[in-house]
Full PDB file with SEQRES, HELIX, SHEET, SSBOND, CRYST1, ORIGX, SCALE, CONECT and MASTER records, all heavy atoms in Angstrom:
SEQRES   1 A   31  MET HIS GLY GLU LEU PRO ASN ALA GLN GLN MET LYS LYS          
SEQRES   2 A   31  PHE ASP HIS GLY ILE THR ASN HIS THR MET VAL HIS GLU          
SEQRES   3 A   31  GLN LEU THR GLN PHE                                          
HELIX    1 AA1 ALA A    8  THR A   19  1                                  12    
HELIX    2 AA2 GLU A   26  GLN A   30  1                                   5    
CRYST1    1.000    1.000    1.000  90.00  90.00  90.00 P 1           1          
ORIGX1      1.000000  0.000000  0.000000        0.00000                         
ORIGX2      0.000000  1.000000  0.000000        0.00000                         
ORIGX3      0.000000  0.000000  1.000000        0.00000                         
SCALE1      1.000000  0.000000  0.000000        0.00000                         
SCALE2      0.000000  1.000000  0.000000        0.00000                         
SCALE3      0.000000  0.000000  1.000000        0.00000                         
ATOM      1  N   MET A   1     -36.730 -78.130  51.451  1.00  0.00           N  
ATOM      2  CA  MET A   1     -35.801 -78.744  50.587  1.00  0.00           C  
ATOM      3  C   MET A   1     -36.011 -78.476  49.098  1.00  0.00           C  
ATOM      4  O   MET A   1     -35.109 -78.315  48.311  1.00  0.00           O  
ATOM      5  CB  MET A   1     -35.733 -80.259  50.843  1.00  0.00           C  
ATOM      6  CG  MET A   1     -35.148 -80.601  52.197  1.00  0.00           C  
ATOM      7  SD  MET A   1     -35.165 -82.418  52.371  1.00  0.00           S  
ATOM      8  CE  MET A   1     -34.062 -82.919  51.089  1.00  0.00           C  
ATOM      9  N   HIS A   2     -37.368 -78.295  48.778  1.00  0.00           N  
ATOM     10  CA  HIS A   2     -37.692 -78.218  47.290  1.00  0.00           C  
ATOM     11  C   HIS A   2     -38.290 -76.858  46.866  1.00  0.00           C  
ATOM     12  O   HIS A   2     -38.451 -76.639  45.718  1.00  0.00           O  
ATOM     13  CB  HIS A   2     -38.698 -79.369  46.922  1.00  0.00           C  
ATOM     14  CG  HIS A   2     -38.081 -80.772  47.094  1.00  0.00           C  
ATOM     15  ND1 HIS A   2     -37.211 -81.336  46.257  1.00  0.00           N  
ATOM     16  CD2 HIS A   2     -38.271 -81.711  48.107  1.00  0.00           C  
ATOM     17  CE1 HIS A   2     -36.877 -82.525  46.672  1.00  0.00           C  
ATOM     18  NE2 HIS A   2     -37.454 -82.741  47.753  1.00  0.00           N  
ATOM     19  N   GLY A   3     -38.614 -76.069  47.822  1.00  0.00           N  
ATOM     20  CA  GLY A   3     -39.092 -74.689  47.558  1.00  0.00           C  
ATOM     21  C   GLY A   3     -40.594 -74.596  47.313  1.00  0.00           C  
ATOM     22  O   GLY A   3     -41.046 -73.385  47.351  1.00  0.00           O  
ATOM     23  N   GLU A   4     -41.263 -75.637  47.226  1.00  0.00           N  
ATOM     24  CA  GLU A   4     -42.694 -75.595  47.097  1.00  0.00           C  
ATOM     25  C   GLU A   4     -43.439 -76.648  48.015  1.00  0.00           C  
ATOM     26  O   GLU A   4     -42.795 -77.692  48.284  1.00  0.00           O  
ATOM     27  CB  GLU A   4     -43.153 -75.830  45.612  1.00  0.00           C  
ATOM     28  CG  GLU A   4     -42.641 -74.747  44.607  1.00  0.00           C  
ATOM     29  CD  GLU A   4     -43.250 -73.373  44.854  1.00  0.00           C  
ATOM     30  OE1 GLU A   4     -44.323 -73.256  45.441  1.00  0.00           O  
ATOM     31  OE2 GLU A   4     -42.663 -72.418  44.295  1.00  0.00           O  
ATOM     32  N   LEU A   5     -44.685 -76.375  48.264  1.00  0.00           N  
ATOM     33  CA  LEU A   5     -45.378 -77.444  49.032  1.00  0.00           C  
ATOM     34  C   LEU A   5     -45.665 -78.569  48.116  1.00  0.00           C  
ATOM     35  O   LEU A   5     -45.974 -78.441  46.953  1.00  0.00           O  
ATOM     36  CB  LEU A   5     -46.695 -76.855  49.602  1.00  0.00           C  
ATOM     37  CG  LEU A   5     -46.596 -75.874  50.737  1.00  0.00           C  
ATOM     38  CD1 LEU A   5     -47.867 -75.180  51.061  1.00  0.00           C  
ATOM     39  CD2 LEU A   5     -46.170 -76.578  52.072  1.00  0.00           C  
ATOM     40  N   PRO A   6     -45.658 -79.805  48.659  1.00  0.00           N  
ATOM     41  CA  PRO A   6     -45.911 -80.903  47.767  1.00  0.00           C  
ATOM     42  C   PRO A   6     -47.378 -81.189  47.375  1.00  0.00           C  
ATOM     43  O   PRO A   6     -48.230 -80.843  48.201  1.00  0.00           O  
ATOM     44  CB  PRO A   6     -45.391 -82.141  48.626  1.00  0.00           C  
ATOM     45  CG  PRO A   6     -45.613 -81.665  50.021  1.00  0.00           C  
ATOM     46  CD  PRO A   6     -45.376 -80.196  50.044  1.00  0.00           C  
ATOM     47  N   ASN A   7     -47.618 -81.790  46.286  1.00  0.00           N  
ATOM     48  CA  ASN A   7     -48.984 -82.311  46.011  1.00  0.00           C  
ATOM     49  C   ASN A   7     -49.113 -83.619  46.663  1.00  0.00           C  
ATOM     50  O   ASN A   7     -48.102 -84.215  47.312  1.00  0.00           O  
ATOM     51  CB  ASN A   7     -49.312 -82.352  44.492  1.00  0.00           C  
ATOM     52  CG  ASN A   7     -48.308 -83.250  43.788  1.00  0.00           C  
ATOM     53  OD1 ASN A   7     -47.817 -84.263  44.233  1.00  0.00           O  
ATOM     54  ND2 ASN A   7     -48.031 -82.896  42.465  1.00  0.00           N  
ATOM     55  N   ALA A   8     -50.254 -84.309  46.561  1.00  0.00           N  
ATOM     56  CA  ALA A   8     -50.549 -85.525  47.301  1.00  0.00           C  
ATOM     57  C   ALA A   8     -49.536 -86.657  46.850  1.00  0.00           C  
ATOM     58  O   ALA A   8     -49.089 -87.315  47.755  1.00  0.00           O  
ATOM     59  CB  ALA A   8     -52.030 -85.958  47.050  1.00  0.00           C  
ATOM     60  N   GLN A   9     -49.268 -86.757  45.574  1.00  0.00           N  
ATOM     61  CA  GLN A   9     -48.426 -87.730  45.066  1.00  0.00           C  
ATOM     62  C   GLN A   9     -46.950 -87.570  45.537  1.00  0.00           C  
ATOM     63  O   GLN A   9     -46.251 -88.496  45.996  1.00  0.00           O  
ATOM     64  CB  GLN A   9     -48.413 -87.811  43.521  1.00  0.00           C  
ATOM     65  CG  GLN A   9     -47.650 -89.032  42.975  1.00  0.00           C  
ATOM     66  CD  GLN A   9     -47.758 -89.050  41.460  1.00  0.00           C  
ATOM     67  OE1 GLN A   9     -48.487 -88.198  40.830  1.00  0.00           O  
ATOM     68  NE2 GLN A   9     -47.013 -90.026  40.825  1.00  0.00           N  
ATOM     69  N   GLN A  10     -46.488 -86.283  45.545  1.00  0.00           N  
ATOM     70  CA  GLN A  10     -45.222 -85.902  45.935  1.00  0.00           C  
ATOM     71  C   GLN A  10     -44.991 -86.182  47.476  1.00  0.00           C  
ATOM     72  O   GLN A  10     -43.964 -86.771  47.893  1.00  0.00           O  
ATOM     73  CB  GLN A  10     -44.897 -84.478  45.642  1.00  0.00           C  
ATOM     74  CG  GLN A  10     -44.711 -84.246  44.134  1.00  0.00           C  
ATOM     75  CD  GLN A  10     -44.687 -82.725  43.818  1.00  0.00           C  
ATOM     76  OE1 GLN A  10     -45.294 -81.912  44.508  1.00  0.00           O  
ATOM     77  NE2 GLN A  10     -43.993 -82.316  42.782  1.00  0.00           N  
ATOM     78  N   MET A  11     -46.062 -85.906  48.250  1.00  0.00           N  
ATOM     79  CA  MET A  11     -45.945 -86.065  49.617  1.00  0.00           C  
ATOM     80  C   MET A  11     -45.975 -87.537  49.990  1.00  0.00           C  
ATOM     81  O   MET A  11     -45.199 -87.930  50.913  1.00  0.00           O  
ATOM     82  CB  MET A  11     -47.243 -85.399  50.253  1.00  0.00           C  
ATOM     83  CG  MET A  11     -47.130 -85.347  51.762  1.00  0.00           C  
ATOM     84  SD  MET A  11     -45.792 -84.287  52.360  1.00  0.00           S  
ATOM     85  CE  MET A  11     -45.010 -85.282  53.549  1.00  0.00           C  
ATOM     86  N   LYS A  12     -46.761 -88.320  49.344  1.00  0.00           N  
ATOM     87  CA  LYS A  12     -46.739 -89.728  49.539  1.00  0.00           C  
ATOM     88  C   LYS A  12     -45.270 -90.377  49.311  1.00  0.00           C  
ATOM     89  O   LYS A  12     -44.801 -91.165  50.132  1.00  0.00           O  
ATOM     90  CB  LYS A  12     -47.713 -90.472  48.722  1.00  0.00           C  
ATOM     91  CG  LYS A  12     -47.937 -91.946  48.927  1.00  0.00           C  
ATOM     92  CD  LYS A  12     -49.043 -92.559  48.034  1.00  0.00           C  
ATOM     93  CE  LYS A  12     -49.126 -94.074  48.328  1.00  0.00           C  
ATOM     94  NZ  LYS A  12     -50.139 -94.647  47.493  1.00  0.00           N  
ATOM     95  N   LYS A  13     -44.781 -89.993  48.243  1.00  0.00           N  
ATOM     96  CA  LYS A  13     -43.449 -90.539  47.846  1.00  0.00           C  
ATOM     97  C   LYS A  13     -42.339 -90.085  48.829  1.00  0.00           C  
ATOM     98  O   LYS A  13     -41.546 -90.821  49.318  1.00  0.00           O  
ATOM     99  CB  LYS A  13     -43.031 -90.031  46.500  1.00  0.00           C  
ATOM    100  CG  LYS A  13     -41.649 -90.630  45.973  1.00  0.00           C  
ATOM    101  CD  LYS A  13     -41.331 -90.013  44.539  1.00  0.00           C  
ATOM    102  CE  LYS A  13     -39.986 -90.576  44.099  1.00  0.00           C  
ATOM    103  NZ  LYS A  13     -39.605 -89.989  42.776  1.00  0.00           N  
ATOM    104  N   PHE A  14     -42.399 -88.809  49.247  1.00  0.00           N  
ATOM    105  CA  PHE A  14     -41.400 -88.227  50.195  1.00  0.00           C  
ATOM    106  C   PHE A  14     -41.621 -88.865  51.606  1.00  0.00           C  
ATOM    107  O   PHE A  14     -40.570 -89.289  52.122  1.00  0.00           O  
ATOM    108  CB  PHE A  14     -41.605 -86.756  50.323  1.00  0.00           C  
ATOM    109  CG  PHE A  14     -40.577 -86.067  51.141  1.00  0.00           C  
ATOM    110  CD1 PHE A  14     -39.247 -85.879  50.804  1.00  0.00           C  
ATOM    111  CD2 PHE A  14     -40.924 -85.582  52.459  1.00  0.00           C  
ATOM    112  CE1 PHE A  14     -38.349 -85.226  51.681  1.00  0.00           C  
ATOM    113  CE2 PHE A  14     -40.100 -84.939  53.274  1.00  0.00           C  
ATOM    114  CZ  PHE A  14     -38.767 -84.770  52.850  1.00  0.00           C  
ATOM    115  N   ASP A  15     -42.789 -89.009  52.058  1.00  0.00           N  
ATOM    116  CA  ASP A  15     -43.138 -89.590  53.279  1.00  0.00           C  
ATOM    117  C   ASP A  15     -42.637 -91.003  53.356  1.00  0.00           C  
ATOM    118  O   ASP A  15     -41.955 -91.470  54.345  1.00  0.00           O  
ATOM    119  CB  ASP A  15     -44.652 -89.531  53.547  1.00  0.00           C  
ATOM    120  CG  ASP A  15     -45.078 -89.936  54.971  1.00  0.00           C  
ATOM    121  OD1 ASP A  15     -44.743 -91.120  55.283  1.00  0.00           O  
ATOM    122  OD2 ASP A  15     -45.630 -89.161  55.657  1.00  0.00           O  
ATOM    123  N   HIS A  16     -42.859 -91.743  52.251  1.00  0.00           N  
ATOM    124  CA  HIS A  16     -42.331 -93.159  52.221  1.00  0.00           C  
ATOM    125  C   HIS A  16     -40.757 -93.197  52.222  1.00  0.00           C  
ATOM    126  O   HIS A  16     -40.256 -94.026  52.899  1.00  0.00           O  
ATOM    127  CB  HIS A  16     -42.893 -93.852  50.904  1.00  0.00           C  
ATOM    128  CG  HIS A  16     -42.470 -95.271  50.750  1.00  0.00           C  
ATOM    129  ND1 HIS A  16     -41.309 -95.668  50.246  1.00  0.00           N  
ATOM    130  CD2 HIS A  16     -43.117 -96.397  51.185  1.00  0.00           C  
ATOM    131  CE1 HIS A  16     -41.278 -96.959  50.263  1.00  0.00           C  
ATOM    132  NE2 HIS A  16     -42.330 -97.473  50.809  1.00  0.00           N  
ATOM    133  N   GLY A  17     -40.206 -92.284  51.543  1.00  0.00           N  
ATOM    134  CA  GLY A  17     -38.781 -92.333  51.473  1.00  0.00           C  
ATOM    135  C   GLY A  17     -38.075 -91.985  52.786  1.00  0.00           C  
ATOM    136  O   GLY A  17     -37.035 -92.517  53.049  1.00  0.00           O  
ATOM    137  N   ILE A  18     -38.717 -91.191  53.575  1.00  0.00           N  
ATOM    138  CA  ILE A  18     -38.277 -90.878  54.939  1.00  0.00           C  
ATOM    139  C   ILE A  18     -38.641 -91.994  55.947  1.00  0.00           C  
ATOM    140  O   ILE A  18     -37.791 -92.571  56.629  1.00  0.00           O  
ATOM    141  CB  ILE A  18     -38.817 -89.548  55.448  1.00  0.00           C  
ATOM    142  CG1 ILE A  18     -38.371 -88.361  54.525  1.00  0.00           C  
ATOM    143  CG2 ILE A  18     -38.337 -89.330  56.943  1.00  0.00           C  
ATOM    144  CD1 ILE A  18     -36.891 -88.134  54.428  1.00  0.00           C  
ATOM    145  N   THR A  19     -39.851 -92.321  55.949  1.00  0.00           N  
ATOM    146  CA  THR A  19     -40.326 -93.303  56.926  1.00  0.00           C  
ATOM    147  C   THR A  19     -39.725 -94.651  56.888  1.00  0.00           C  
ATOM    148  O   THR A  19     -39.476 -95.321  57.831  1.00  0.00           O  
ATOM    149  CB  THR A  19     -41.905 -93.470  56.829  1.00  0.00           C  
ATOM    150  OG1 THR A  19     -42.522 -92.107  56.931  1.00  0.00           O  
ATOM    151  CG2 THR A  19     -42.441 -94.455  57.860  1.00  0.00           C  
ATOM    152  N   ASN A  20     -39.344 -95.070  55.584  1.00  0.00           N  
ATOM    153  CA  ASN A  20     -38.746 -96.378  55.426  1.00  0.00           C  
ATOM    154  C   ASN A  20     -37.253 -96.413  55.478  1.00  0.00           C  
ATOM    155  O   ASN A  20     -36.650 -97.464  55.099  1.00  0.00           O  
ATOM    156  CB  ASN A  20     -39.269 -96.875  54.055  1.00  0.00           C  
ATOM    157  CG  ASN A  20     -40.698 -97.375  54.112  1.00  0.00           C  
ATOM    158  OD1 ASN A  20     -40.993 -98.568  54.454  1.00  0.00           O  
ATOM    159  ND2 ASN A  20     -41.611 -96.520  53.903  1.00  0.00           N  
ATOM    160  N   HIS A  21     -36.680 -95.307  55.916  1.00  0.00           N  
ATOM    161  CA  HIS A  21     -35.254 -95.316  56.110  1.00  0.00           C  
ATOM    162  C   HIS A  21     -34.763 -94.790  57.466  1.00  0.00           C  
ATOM    163  O   HIS A  21     -33.692 -94.165  57.592  1.00  0.00           O  
ATOM    164  CB  HIS A  21     -34.540 -94.395  54.936  1.00  0.00           C  
ATOM    165  CG  HIS A  21     -34.671 -94.999  53.635  1.00  0.00           C  
ATOM    166  ND1 HIS A  21     -35.749 -94.831  52.775  1.00  0.00           N  
ATOM    167  CD2 HIS A  21     -33.803 -95.845  52.947  1.00  0.00           C  
ATOM    168  CE1 HIS A  21     -35.570 -95.524  51.696  1.00  0.00           C  
ATOM    169  NE2 HIS A  21     -34.403 -96.172  51.738  1.00  0.00           N  
ATOM    170  N   THR A  22     -35.612 -95.070  58.459  1.00  0.00           N  
ATOM    171  CA  THR A  22     -35.402 -94.592  59.779  1.00  0.00           C  
ATOM    172  C   THR A  22     -34.392 -95.429  60.568  1.00  0.00           C  
ATOM    173  O   THR A  22     -33.813 -95.055  61.594  1.00  0.00           O  
ATOM    174  CB  THR A  22     -36.687 -94.454  60.566  1.00  0.00           C  
ATOM    175  OG1 THR A  22     -37.411 -95.747  60.484  1.00  0.00           O  
ATOM    176  CG2 THR A  22     -37.571 -93.384  60.049  1.00  0.00           C  
ATOM    177  N   MET A  23     -34.199 -96.728  60.156  1.00  0.00           N  
ATOM    178  CA  MET A  23     -33.237 -97.591  60.901  1.00  0.00           C  
ATOM    179  C   MET A  23     -31.820 -97.133  60.597  1.00  0.00           C  
ATOM    180  O   MET A  23     -31.539 -96.658  59.462  1.00  0.00           O  
ATOM    181  CB  MET A  23     -33.502 -99.018  60.464  1.00  0.00           C  
ATOM    182  CG  MET A  23     -34.784 -99.653  61.016  1.00  0.00           C  
ATOM    183  SD  MET A  23     -34.923-101.333  60.680  1.00  0.00           S  
ATOM    184  CE  MET A  23     -33.524-102.038  61.748  1.00  0.00           C  
ATOM    185  N   VAL A  24     -31.013 -97.413  61.569  1.00  0.00           N  
ATOM    186  CA  VAL A  24     -29.530 -97.101  61.323  1.00  0.00           C  
ATOM    187  C   VAL A  24     -28.832 -98.414  61.194  1.00  0.00           C  
ATOM    188  O   VAL A  24     -29.247 -99.455  61.569  1.00  0.00           O  
ATOM    189  CB  VAL A  24     -28.919 -96.289  62.527  1.00  0.00           C  
ATOM    190  CG1 VAL A  24     -29.603 -94.911  62.511  1.00  0.00           C  
ATOM    191  CG2 VAL A  24     -29.088 -96.981  63.800  1.00  0.00           C  
ATOM    192  N   HIS A  25     -27.578 -98.379  60.606  1.00  0.00           N  
ATOM    193  CA  HIS A  25     -26.756 -99.574  60.470  1.00  0.00           C  
ATOM    194  C   HIS A  25     -26.632-100.206  61.788  1.00  0.00           C  
ATOM    195  O   HIS A  25     -26.324 -99.529  62.846  1.00  0.00           O  
ATOM    196  CB  HIS A  25     -25.454 -99.104  59.898  1.00  0.00           C  
ATOM    197  CG  HIS A  25     -24.580-100.191  59.326  1.00  0.00           C  
ATOM    198  ND1 HIS A  25     -23.997-101.208  60.132  1.00  0.00           N  
ATOM    199  CD2 HIS A  25     -24.266-100.486  58.078  1.00  0.00           C  
ATOM    200  CE1 HIS A  25     -23.346-102.077  59.391  1.00  0.00           C  
ATOM    201  NE2 HIS A  25     -23.500-101.610  58.049  1.00  0.00           N  
ATOM    202  N   GLU A  26     -26.772-101.473  61.890  1.00  0.00           N  
ATOM    203  CA  GLU A  26     -26.710-102.146  63.135  1.00  0.00           C  
ATOM    204  C   GLU A  26     -25.395-101.972  63.871  1.00  0.00           C  
ATOM    205  O   GLU A  26     -25.371-101.918  65.072  1.00  0.00           O  
ATOM    206  CB  GLU A  26     -27.051-103.681  62.953  1.00  0.00           C  
ATOM    207  CG  GLU A  26     -27.223-104.485  64.208  1.00  0.00           C  
ATOM    208  CD  GLU A  26     -28.411-104.019  65.052  1.00  0.00           C  
ATOM    209  OE1 GLU A  26     -29.318-103.294  64.513  1.00  0.00           O  
ATOM    210  OE2 GLU A  26     -28.456-104.347  66.269  1.00  0.00           O  
ATOM    211  N   GLN A  27     -24.338-101.827  63.095  1.00  0.00           N  
ATOM    212  CA  GLN A  27     -23.017-101.661  63.668  1.00  0.00           C  
ATOM    213  C   GLN A  27     -22.912-100.358  64.459  1.00  0.00           C  
ATOM    214  O   GLN A  27     -22.191-100.227  65.402  1.00  0.00           O  
ATOM    215  CB  GLN A  27     -21.850-101.730  62.626  1.00  0.00           C  
ATOM    216  CG  GLN A  27     -21.189-102.971  62.509  1.00  0.00           C  
ATOM    217  CD  GLN A  27     -19.919-102.979  61.689  1.00  0.00           C  
ATOM    218  OE1 GLN A  27     -20.065-102.760  60.444  1.00  0.00           O  
ATOM    219  NE2 GLN A  27     -18.774-103.084  62.190  1.00  0.00           N  
ATOM    220  N   LEU A  28     -23.759 -99.413  64.018  1.00  0.00           N  
ATOM    221  CA  LEU A  28     -23.725 -98.077  64.618  1.00  0.00           C  
ATOM    222  C   LEU A  28     -24.233 -98.197  66.144  1.00  0.00           C  
ATOM    223  O   LEU A  28     -23.763 -97.391  66.963  1.00  0.00           O  
ATOM    224  CB  LEU A  28     -24.792 -97.119  63.857  1.00  0.00           C  
ATOM    225  CG  LEU A  28     -24.504 -95.648  64.108  1.00  0.00           C  
ATOM    226  CD1 LEU A  28     -23.153 -95.152  63.708  1.00  0.00           C  
ATOM    227  CD2 LEU A  28     -25.556 -94.790  63.451  1.00  0.00           C  
ATOM    228  N   THR A  29     -25.024 -99.206  66.391  1.00  0.00           N  
ATOM    229  CA  THR A  29     -25.548 -99.339  67.843  1.00  0.00           C  
ATOM    230  C   THR A  29     -24.335 -99.704  68.744  1.00  0.00           C  
ATOM    231  O   THR A  29     -24.407 -99.376  69.978  1.00  0.00           O  
ATOM    232  CB  THR A  29     -26.584-100.487  67.861  1.00  0.00           C  
ATOM    233  OG1 THR A  29     -26.006-101.726  67.523  1.00  0.00           O  
ATOM    234  CG2 THR A  29     -27.765-100.135  67.007  1.00  0.00           C  
ATOM    235  N   GLN A  30     -23.322-100.358  68.199  1.00  0.00           N  
ATOM    236  CA  GLN A  30     -22.133-100.617  69.001  1.00  0.00           C  
ATOM    237  C   GLN A  30     -21.355 -99.376  69.310  1.00  0.00           C  
ATOM    238  O   GLN A  30     -20.537 -99.334  70.260  1.00  0.00           O  
ATOM    239  CB  GLN A  30     -21.231-101.637  68.222  1.00  0.00           C  
ATOM    240  CG  GLN A  30     -21.891-102.929  67.797  1.00  0.00           C  
ATOM    241  CD  GLN A  30     -22.534-103.737  68.806  1.00  0.00           C  
ATOM    242  OE1 GLN A  30     -21.939-103.884  69.836  1.00  0.00           O  
ATOM    243  NE2 GLN A  30     -23.709-104.142  68.623  1.00  0.00           N  
ATOM    244  N   PHE A  31     -21.472 -98.382  68.450  1.00  0.00           N  
ATOM    245  CA  PHE A  31     -20.700 -97.135  68.613  1.00  0.00           C  
ATOM    246  C   PHE A  31     -21.047 -96.451  69.856  1.00  0.00           C  
ATOM    247  O   PHE A  31     -20.156 -95.852  70.506  1.00  0.00           O  
ATOM    248  CB  PHE A  31     -21.044 -96.258  67.377  1.00  0.00           C  
ATOM    249  CG  PHE A  31     -20.096 -95.058  67.167  1.00  0.00           C  
ATOM    250  CD1 PHE A  31     -18.875 -95.221  66.589  1.00  0.00           C  
ATOM    251  CD2 PHE A  31     -20.337 -93.830  67.685  1.00  0.00           C  
ATOM    252  CE1 PHE A  31     -17.949 -94.184  66.403  1.00  0.00           C  
ATOM    253  CE2 PHE A  31     -19.593 -92.776  67.502  1.00  0.00           C  
ATOM    254  CZ  PHE A  31     -18.381 -92.942  66.856  1.00  0.00           C  
TER     255      PHE A  31                                                      
MASTER        0    0    0    2    0    0    0    6  254    1    0    3          
END                                                                             
């Protein structure tokens, strides 16, 4: 996505951004 390998700080931020947004809208489960 960004063209370069992340440093430790960038990786921590990116990992957190992905890991903490894994849930889907509850209404989607009804779909």
